Amino acid sequence: MVEDHEEENMLNICRYVDEKFQEYRHQLIKQPESTVMVLAALSIAEELFELRQQLSESEKNETVMMKRVNSKIEQLLEDIRG
């Protein structure tokens, strides 16, 4: 059984893929449909790849920041304890 939110997500994904296809279809009028589909798929894959890289960088930055915060808290606690 498919949950309502899963169906909604799938419809949103379908609309997004169709938008990309239409975007490329208008730009590449003389190209075969299969070429347009491949280019749209590559464009979506590139977006996904870039977003994953950004997320990875954000997670690394967050880890570094949390280590600094923890270090400062530990230092503050040591100072309080005397």
PDB file of N, CA and C in Angstrom:
ATOM      1  N   MET A   1       0.842  -1.186   0.000  1.00  0.00           N
ATOM      2  CA  MET A   1       0.000   0.000   0.000  1.00  0.00           C
ATOM      3  C   MET A   1       0.887   1.250   0.000  1.00  0.00           C
ATOM      4  N   VAL A   2       0.552   2.198  -0.815  1.00  0.00           N
ATOM      5  CA  VAL A   2       1.316   3.434  -0.940  1.00  0.00           C
ATOM      6  C   VAL A   2       0.721   4.483  -0.009  1.00  0.00           C
ATOM      7  N   GLU A   3       1.586   5.080   0.788  1.00  0.00           N
ATOM      8  CA  GLU A   3       1.158   6.154   1.684  1.00  0.00           C
ATOM      9  C   GLU A   3       0.837   7.405   0.868  1.00  0.00           C
ATOM     10  N   ASP A   4      -0.035   8.264   1.421  1.00  0.00           N
ATOM     11  CA  ASP A   4      -0.422   9.505   0.729  1.00  0.00           C
ATOM     12  C   ASP A   4       0.788  10.383   0.437  1.00  0.00           C
ATOM     13  N   HIS A   5       1.674  10.520   1.416  1.00  0.00           N
ATOM     14  CA  HIS A   5       2.835  11.383   1.202  1.00  0.00           C
ATOM     15  C   HIS A   5       3.783  10.798   0.162  1.00  0.00           C
ATOM     16  N   GLU A   6       3.844   9.475   0.053  1.00  0.00           N
ATOM     17  CA  GLU A   6       4.683   8.847  -0.966  1.00  0.00           C
ATOM     18  C   GLU A   6       4.124   9.128  -2.364  1.00  0.00           C
ATOM     19  N   GLU A   7       2.811   9.039  -2.482  1.00  0.00           N
ATOM     20  CA  GLU A   7       2.173   9.329  -3.768  1.00  0.00           C
ATOM     21  C   GLU A   7       2.390  10.793  -4.147  1.00  0.00           C
ATOM     22  N   GLU A   8       2.258  11.682  -3.171  1.00  0.00           N
ATOM     23  CA  GLU A   8       2.472  13.108  -3.431  1.00  0.00           C
ATOM     24  C   GLU A   8       3.920  13.372  -3.836  1.00  0.00           C
ATOM     25  N   ASN A   9       4.853  12.733  -3.141  1.00  0.00           N
ATOM     26  CA  ASN A   9       6.271  12.884  -3.501  1.00  0.00           C
ATOM     27  C   ASN A   9       6.525  12.400  -4.924  1.00  0.00           C
ATOM     28  N   MET A  10       5.952  11.256  -5.269  1.00  0.00           N
ATOM     29  CA  MET A  10       6.145  10.700  -6.610  1.00  0.00           C
ATOM     30  C   MET A  10       5.569  11.633  -7.665  1.00  0.00           C
ATOM     31  N   LEU A  11       4.397  12.204  -7.409  1.00  0.00           N
ATOM     32  CA  LEU A  11       3.806  13.153  -8.360  1.00  0.00           C
ATOM     33  C   LEU A  11       4.670  14.398  -8.509  1.00  0.00           C
ATOM     34  N   ASN A  12       5.228  14.887  -7.402  1.00  0.00           N
ATOM     35  CA  ASN A  12       6.133  16.046  -7.466  1.00  0.00           C
ATOM     36  C   ASN A  12       7.387  15.721  -8.270  1.00  0.00           C
ATOM     37  N   ILE A  13       7.909  14.534  -8.082  1.00  0.00           N
ATOM     38  CA  ILE A  13       9.094  14.109  -8.839  1.00  0.00           C
ATOM     39  C   ILE A  13       8.755  14.021 -10.327  1.00  0.00           C
ATOM     40  N   CYS A  14       7.611  13.436 -10.635  1.00  0.00           N
ATOM     41  CA  CYS A  14       7.186  13.328 -12.033  1.00  0.00           C
ATOM     42  C   CYS A  14       7.031  14.696 -12.686  1.00  0.00           C
ATOM     43  N   ARG A  15       6.445  15.625 -11.953  1.00  0.00           N
ATOM     44  CA  ARG A  15       6.278  16.985 -12.491  1.00  0.00           C
ATOM     45  C   ARG A  15       7.651  17.628 -12.736  1.00  0.00           C
ATOM     46  N   TYR A  16       8.569  17.429 -11.800  1.00  0.00           N
ATOM     47  CA  TYR A  16       9.903  18.013 -11.948  1.00  0.00           C
ATOM     48  C   TYR A  16      10.622  17.433 -13.168  1.00  0.00           C
ATOM     49  N   VAL A  17      10.565  16.121 -13.321  1.00  0.00           N
ATOM     50  CA  VAL A  17      11.204  15.475 -14.470  1.00  0.00           C
ATOM     51  C   VAL A  17      10.563  15.965 -15.764  1.00  0.00           C
ATOM     52  N   ASP A  18       9.253  16.080 -15.782  1.00  0.00           N
ATOM     53  CA  ASP A  18       8.560  16.570 -16.977  1.00  0.00           C
ATOM     54  C   ASP A  18       8.958  18.007 -17.293  1.00  0.00           C
ATOM     55  N   GLU A  19       9.082  18.846 -16.268  1.00  0.00           N
ATOM     56  CA  GLU A  19       9.518  20.236 -16.477  1.00  0.00           C
ATOM     57  C   GLU A  19      10.900  20.280 -17.113  1.00  0.00           C
ATOM     58  N   LYS A  20      11.811  19.447 -16.609  1.00  0.00           N
ATOM     59  CA  LYS A  20      13.167  19.403 -17.177  1.00  0.00           C
ATOM     60  C   LYS A  20      13.120  18.935 -18.623  1.00  0.00           C
ATOM     61  N   PHE A  21      12.320  17.903 -18.866  1.00  0.00           N
ATOM     62  CA  PHE A  21      12.195  17.396 -20.231  1.00  0.00           C
ATOM     63  C   PHE A  21      11.665  18.490 -21.153  1.00  0.00           C
ATOM     64  N   GLN A  22      10.614  19.182 -20.725  1.00  0.00           N
ATOM     65  CA  GLN A  22      10.028  20.244 -21.554  1.00  0.00           C
ATOM     66  C   GLN A  22      11.025  21.380 -21.788  1.00  0.00           C
ATOM     67  N   GLU A  23      11.792  21.702 -20.759  1.00  0.00           N
ATOM     68  CA  GLU A  23      12.819  22.748 -20.878  1.00  0.00           C
ATOM     69  C   GLU A  23      13.813  22.386 -21.991  1.00  0.00           C
ATOM     70  N   TYR A  24      14.284  21.147 -21.974  1.00  0.00           N
ATOM     71  CA  TYR A  24      15.227  20.705 -22.999  1.00  0.00           C
ATOM     72  C   TYR A  24      14.534  20.519 -24.352  1.00  0.00           C
ATOM     73  N   ARG A  25      13.293  20.089 -24.341  1.00  0.00           N
ATOM     74  CA  ARG A  25      12.531  19.896 -25.588  1.00  0.00           C
ATOM     75  C   ARG A  25      12.433  21.226 -26.341  1.00  0.00           C
ATOM     76  N   HIS A  26      12.204  22.333 -25.610  1.00  0.00           N
ATOM     77  CA  HIS A  26      12.090  23.659 -26.256  1.00  0.00           C
ATOM     78  C   HIS A  26      13.437  24.143 -26.780  1.00  0.00           C
ATOM     79  N   GLN A  27      14.508  23.767 -26.112  1.00  0.00           N
ATOM     80  CA  GLN A  27      15.841  24.189 -26.534  1.00  0.00           C
ATOM     81  C   GLN A  27      16.389  23.350 -27.687  1.00  0.00           C
ATOM     82  N   LEU A  28      15.972  22.096 -27.744  1.00  0.00           N
ATOM     83  CA  LEU A  28      16.542  21.154 -28.714  1.00  0.00           C
ATOM     84  C   LEU A  28      15.443  20.590 -29.624  1.00  0.00           C
ATOM     85  N   ILE A  29      14.793  21.477 -30.314  1.00  0.00           N
ATOM     86  CA  ILE A  29      13.625  21.110 -31.110  1.00  0.00           C
ATOM     87  C   ILE A  29      13.938  20.034 -32.160  1.00  0.00           C
ATOM     88  N   LYS A  30      15.105  20.091 -32.764  1.00  0.00           N
ATOM     89  CA  LYS A  30      15.422  19.172 -33.861  1.00  0.00           C
ATOM     90  C   LYS A  30      16.043  17.858 -33.394  1.00  0.00           C
ATOM     91  N   GLN A  31      16.279  17.724 -32.102  1.00  0.00           N
ATOM     92  CA  GLN A  31      16.901  16.501 -31.581  1.00  0.00           C
ATOM     93  C   GLN A  31      15.848  15.426 -31.334  1.00  0.00           C
ATOM     94  N   PRO A  32      16.262  14.158 -31.460  1.00  0.00           N
ATOM     95  CA  PRO A  32      15.322  13.071 -31.159  1.00  0.00           C
ATOM     96  C   PRO A  32      14.902  13.111 -29.686  1.00  0.00           C
ATOM     97  N   GLU A  33      13.715  12.613 -29.434  1.00  0.00           N
ATOM     98  CA  GLU A  33      13.176  12.619 -28.073  1.00  0.00           C
ATOM     99  C   GLU A  33      14.099  11.876 -27.107  1.00  0.00           C
ATOM    100  N   SER A  34      14.713  10.805 -27.566  1.00  0.00           N
ATOM    101  CA  SER A  34      15.602  10.032 -26.703  1.00  0.00           C
ATOM    102  C   SER A  34      16.801  10.874 -26.260  1.00  0.00           C
ATOM    103  N   THR A  35      17.322  11.692 -27.155  1.00  0.00           N
ATOM    104  CA  THR A  35      18.442  12.576 -26.810  1.00  0.00           C
ATOM    105  C   THR A  35      18.009  13.594 -25.764  1.00  0.00           C
ATOM    106  N   VAL A  36      16.830  14.153 -25.961  1.00  0.00           N
ATOM    107  CA  VAL A  36      16.299  15.141 -25.023  1.00  0.00           C
ATOM    108  C   VAL A  36      16.113  14.506 -23.643  1.00  0.00           C
ATOM    109  N   MET A  37      15.597  13.277 -23.605  1.00  0.00           N
ATOM    110  CA  MET A  37      15.392  12.580 -22.335  1.00  0.00           C
ATOM    111  C   MET A  37      16.717  12.325 -21.622  1.00  0.00           C
ATOM    112  N   VAL A  38      17.715  11.903 -22.375  1.00  0.00           N
ATOM    113  CA  VAL A  38      19.025  11.632 -21.775  1.00  0.00           C
ATOM    114  C   VAL A  38      19.629  12.917 -21.219  1.00  0.00           C
ATOM    115  N   LEU A  39      19.535  13.992 -21.974  1.00  0.00           N
ATOM    116  CA  LEU A  39      20.090  15.265 -21.501  1.00  0.00           C
ATOM    117  C   LEU A  39      19.347  15.775 -20.266  1.00  0.00           C
ATOM    118  N   ALA A  40      18.037  15.617 -20.235  1.00  0.00           N
ATOM    119  CA  ALA A  40      17.264  16.020 -19.058  1.00  0.00           C
ATOM    120  C   ALA A  40      17.670  15.166 -17.857  1.00  0.00           C
ATOM    121  N   ALA A  41      17.840  13.869 -18.071  1.00  0.00           N
ATOM    122  CA  ALA A  41      18.257  12.976 -16.980  1.00  0.00           C
ATOM    123  C   ALA A  41      19.644  13.344 -16.473  1.00  0.00           C
ATOM    124  N   LEU A  42      20.556  13.650 -17.386  1.00  0.00           N
ATOM    125  CA  LEU A  42      21.906  14.063 -16.976  1.00  0.00           C
ATOM    126  C   LEU A  42      21.871  15.373 -16.197  1.00  0.00           C
ATOM    127  N   SER A  43      21.019  16.282 -16.597  1.00  0.00           N
ATOM    128  CA  SER A  43      20.881  17.552 -15.897  1.00  0.00           C
ATOM    129  C   SER A  43      20.384  17.332 -14.468  1.00  0.00           C
ATOM    130  N   ILE A  44      19.398  16.470 -14.315  1.00  0.00           N
ATOM    131  CA  ILE A  44      18.865  16.161 -12.983  1.00  0.00           C
ATOM    132  C   ILE A  44      19.929  15.475 -12.137  1.00  0.00           C
ATOM    133  N   ALA A  45      20.661  14.536 -12.752  1.00  0.00           N
ATOM    134  CA  ALA A  45      21.730  13.841 -12.027  1.00  0.00           C
ATOM    135  C   ALA A  45      22.816  14.820 -11.590  1.00  0.00           C
ATOM    136  N   GLU A  46      23.142  15.784 -12.441  1.00  0.00           N
ATOM    137  CA  GLU A  46      24.138  16.792 -12.089  1.00  0.00           C
ATOM    138  C   GLU A  46      23.665  17.627 -10.895  1.00  0.00           C
ATOM    139  N   GLU A  47      22.393  18.035 -10.909  1.00  0.00           N
ATOM    140  CA  GLU A  47      21.838  18.789  -9.784  1.00  0.00           C
ATOM    141  C   GLU A  47      21.937  17.984  -8.492  1.00  0.00           C
ATOM    142  N   LEU A  48      21.575  16.709  -8.564  1.00  0.00           N
ATOM    143  CA  LEU A  48      21.646  15.836  -7.396  1.00  0.00           C
ATOM    144  C   LEU A  48      23.082  15.723  -6.892  1.00  0.00           C
ATOM    145  N   PHE A  49      24.018  15.515  -7.798  1.00  0.00           N
ATOM    146  CA  PHE A  49      25.426  15.393  -7.439  1.00  0.00           C
ATOM    147  C   PHE A  49      25.924  16.661  -6.744  1.00  0.00           C
ATOM    148  N   GLU A  50      25.585  17.822  -7.314  1.00  0.00           N
ATOM    149  CA  GLU A  50      26.014  19.097  -6.725  1.00  0.00           C
ATOM    150  C   GLU A  50      25.407  19.296  -5.339  1.00  0.00           C
ATOM    151  N   LEU A  51      24.133  18.962  -5.181  1.00  0.00           N
ATOM    152  CA  LEU A  51      23.485  19.108  -3.877  1.00  0.00           C
ATOM    153  C   LEU A  51      24.095  18.169  -2.845  1.00  0.00           C
ATOM    154  N   ARG A  52      24.443  16.956  -3.263  1.00  0.00           N
ATOM    155  CA  ARG A  52      25.098  16.023  -2.344  1.00  0.00           C
ATOM    156  C   ARG A  52      26.463  16.549  -1.920  1.00  0.00           C
ATOM    157  N   GLN A  53      27.193  17.150  -2.856  1.00  0.00           N
ATOM    158  CA  GLN A  53      28.483  17.742  -2.503  1.00  0.00           C
ATOM    159  C   GLN A  53      28.307  18.884  -1.507  1.00  0.00           C
ATOM    160  N   GLN A  54      27.309  19.732  -1.738  1.00  0.00           N
ATOM    161  CA  GLN A  54      27.042  20.843  -0.829  1.00  0.00           C
ATOM    162  C   GLN A  54      26.662  20.330   0.551  1.00  0.00           C
ATOM    163  N   LEU A  55      25.852  19.295   0.601  1.00  0.00           N
ATOM    164  CA  LEU A  55      25.445  18.709   1.875  1.00  0.00           C
ATOM    165  C   LEU A  55      26.649  18.136   2.608  1.00  0.00           C
ATOM    166  N   SER A  56      27.505  17.472   1.885  1.00  0.00           N
ATOM    167  CA  SER A  56      28.712  16.899   2.482  1.00  0.00           C
ATOM    168  C   SER A  56      29.587  17.994   3.078  1.00  0.00           C
ATOM    169  N   GLU A  57      29.747  19.080   2.339  1.00  0.00           N
ATOM    170  CA  GLU A  57      30.541  20.212   2.838  1.00  0.00           C
ATOM    171  C   GLU A  57      29.894  20.824   4.070  1.00  0.00           C
ATOM    172  N   SER A  58      28.579  20.964   4.043  1.00  0.00           N
ATOM    173  CA  SER A  58      27.864  21.522   5.197  1.00  0.00           C
ATOM    174  C   SER A  58      28.033  20.637   6.423  1.00  0.00           C
ATOM    175  N   GLU A  59      27.954  19.330   6.210  1.00  0.00           N
ATOM    176  CA  GLU A  59      28.120  18.400   7.326  1.00  0.00           C
ATOM    177  C   GLU A  59      29.533  18.480   7.894  1.00  0.00           C
ATOM    178  N   LYS A  60      30.533  18.614   7.018  1.00  0.00           N
ATOM    179  CA  LYS A  60      31.922  18.754   7.474  1.00  0.00           C
ATOM    180  C   LYS A  60      32.073  20.036   8.283  1.00  0.00           C
ATOM    181  N   ASN A  61      31.507  21.128   7.774  1.00  0.00           N
ATOM    182  CA  ASN A  61      31.593  22.406   8.475  1.00  0.00           C
ATOM    183  C   ASN A  61      30.895  22.327   9.832  1.00  0.00           C
ATOM    184  N   GLU A  62      29.758  21.653   9.865  1.00  0.00           N
ATOM    185  CA  GLU A  62      29.015  21.503  11.119  1.00  0.00           C
ATOM    186  C   GLU A  62      29.833  20.697  12.123  1.00  0.00           C
ATOM    187  N   THR A  63      30.488  19.653  11.664  1.00  0.00           N
ATOM    188  CA  THR A  63      31.313  18.826  12.547  1.00  0.00           C
ATOM    189  C   THR A  63      32.456  19.639  13.132  1.00  0.00           C
ATOM    190  N   VAL A  64      33.113  20.418  12.295  1.00  0.00           N
ATOM    191  CA  VAL A  64      34.213  21.255  12.760  1.00  0.00           C
ATOM    192  C   VAL A  64      33.710  22.271  13.788  1.00  0.00           C
ATOM    193  N   MET A  65      32.554  22.900  13.493  1.00  0.00           N
ATOM    194  CA  MET A  65      31.992  23.886  14.397  1.00  0.00           C
ATOM    195  C   MET A  65      31.628  23.249  15.743  1.00  0.00           C
ATOM    196  N   MET A  66      31.021  22.062  15.703  1.00  0.00           N
ATOM    197  CA  MET A  66      30.634  21.392  16.950  1.00  0.00           C
ATOM    198  C   MET A  66      31.857  21.010  17.775  1.00  0.00           C
ATOM    199  N   LYS A  67      32.935  20.612  17.132  1.00  0.00           N
ATOM    200  CA  LYS A  67      34.171  20.307  17.860  1.00  0.00           C
ATOM    201  C   LYS A  67      34.703  21.560  18.554  1.00  0.00           C
ATOM    202  N   ARG A  68      34.641  22.698  17.861  1.00  0.00           N
ATOM    203  CA  ARG A  68      35.095  23.956  18.458  1.00  0.00           C
ATOM    204  C   ARG A  68      34.224  24.343  19.646  1.00  0.00           C
ATOM    205  N   VAL A  69      32.908  24.219  19.474  1.00  0.00           N
ATOM    206  CA  VAL A  69      31.979  24.558  20.547  1.00  0.00           C
ATOM    207  C   VAL A  69      32.233  23.656  21.756  1.00  0.00           C
ATOM    208  N   ASN A  70      32.358  22.357  21.514  1.00  0.00           N
ATOM    209  CA  ASN A  70      32.619  21.422  22.612  1.00  0.00           C
ATOM    210  C   ASN A  70      33.921  21.737  23.320  1.00  0.00           C
ATOM    211  N   SER A  71      34.929  22.097  22.560  1.00  0.00           N
ATOM    212  CA  SER A  71      36.217  22.450  23.144  1.00  0.00           C
ATOM    213  C   SER A  71      36.085  23.688  24.022  1.00  0.00           C
ATOM    214  N   LYS A  72      35.363  24.682  23.537  1.00  0.00           N
ATOM    215  CA  LYS A  72      35.157  25.912  24.308  1.00  0.00           C
ATOM    216  C   LYS A  72      34.368  25.628  25.583  1.00  0.00           C
ATOM    217  N   ILE A  73      33.353  24.777  25.479  1.00  0.00           N
ATOM    218  CA  ILE A  73      32.559  24.429  26.665  1.00  0.00           C
ATOM    219  C   ILE A  73      33.433  23.703  27.684  1.00  0.00           C
ATOM    220  N   GLU A  74      34.236  22.760  27.211  1.00  0.00           N
ATOM    221  CA  GLU A  74      35.133  22.043  28.119  1.00  0.00           C
ATOM    222  C   GLU A  74      36.115  22.999  28.788  1.00  0.00           C
ATOM    223  N   GLN A  75      36.629  23.933  28.017  1.00  0.00           N
ATOM    224  CA  GLN A  75      37.568  24.908  28.560  1.00  0.00           C
ATOM    225  C   GLN A  75      36.865  25.793  29.610  1.00  0.00           C
ATOM    226  N   LEU A  76      35.657  26.206  29.328  1.00  0.00           N
ATOM    227  CA  LEU A  76      34.885  27.016  30.254  1.00  0.00           C
ATOM    228  C   LEU A  76      34.612  26.253  31.537  1.00  0.00           C
ATOM    229  N   LEU A  77      34.243  24.988  31.423  1.00  0.00           N
ATOM    230  CA  LEU A  77      33.999  24.166  32.603  1.00  0.00           C
ATOM    231  C   LEU A  77      35.258  23.983  33.450  1.00  0.00           C
ATOM    232  N   GLU A  78      36.373  23.820  32.783  1.00  0.00           N
ATOM    233  CA  GLU A  78      37.647  23.700  33.510  1.00  0.00           C
ATOM    234  C   GLU A  78      37.959  25.001  34.249  1.00  0.00           C
ATOM    235  N   ASP A  79      37.695  26.129  33.579  1.00  0.00           N
ATOM    236  CA  ASP A  79      37.935  27.432  34.213  1.00  0.00           C
ATOM    237  C   ASP A  79      37.029  27.634  35.425  1.00  0.00           C
ATOM    238  N   ILE A  80      35.790  27.188  35.321  1.00  0.00           N
ATOM    239  CA  ILE A  80      34.833  27.329  36.429  1.00  0.00           C
ATOM    240  C   ILE A  80      35.284  26.463  37.602  1.00  0.00           C
ATOM    241  N   ARG A  81      35.729  25.265  37.314  1.00  0.00           N
ATOM    242  CA  ARG A  81      36.155  24.343  38.366  1.00  0.00           C
ATOM    243  C   ARG A  81      37.431  24.818  39.059  1.00  0.00           C
ATOM    244  N   GLY A  82      38.169  25.642  38.368  1.00  0.00           N
ATOM    245  CA  GLY A  82      39.359  26.249  38.968  1.00  0.00           C
ATOM    246  C   GLY A  82      40.548  25.444  38.776  1.00  0.00           C
TER     247      GLY A  82
END
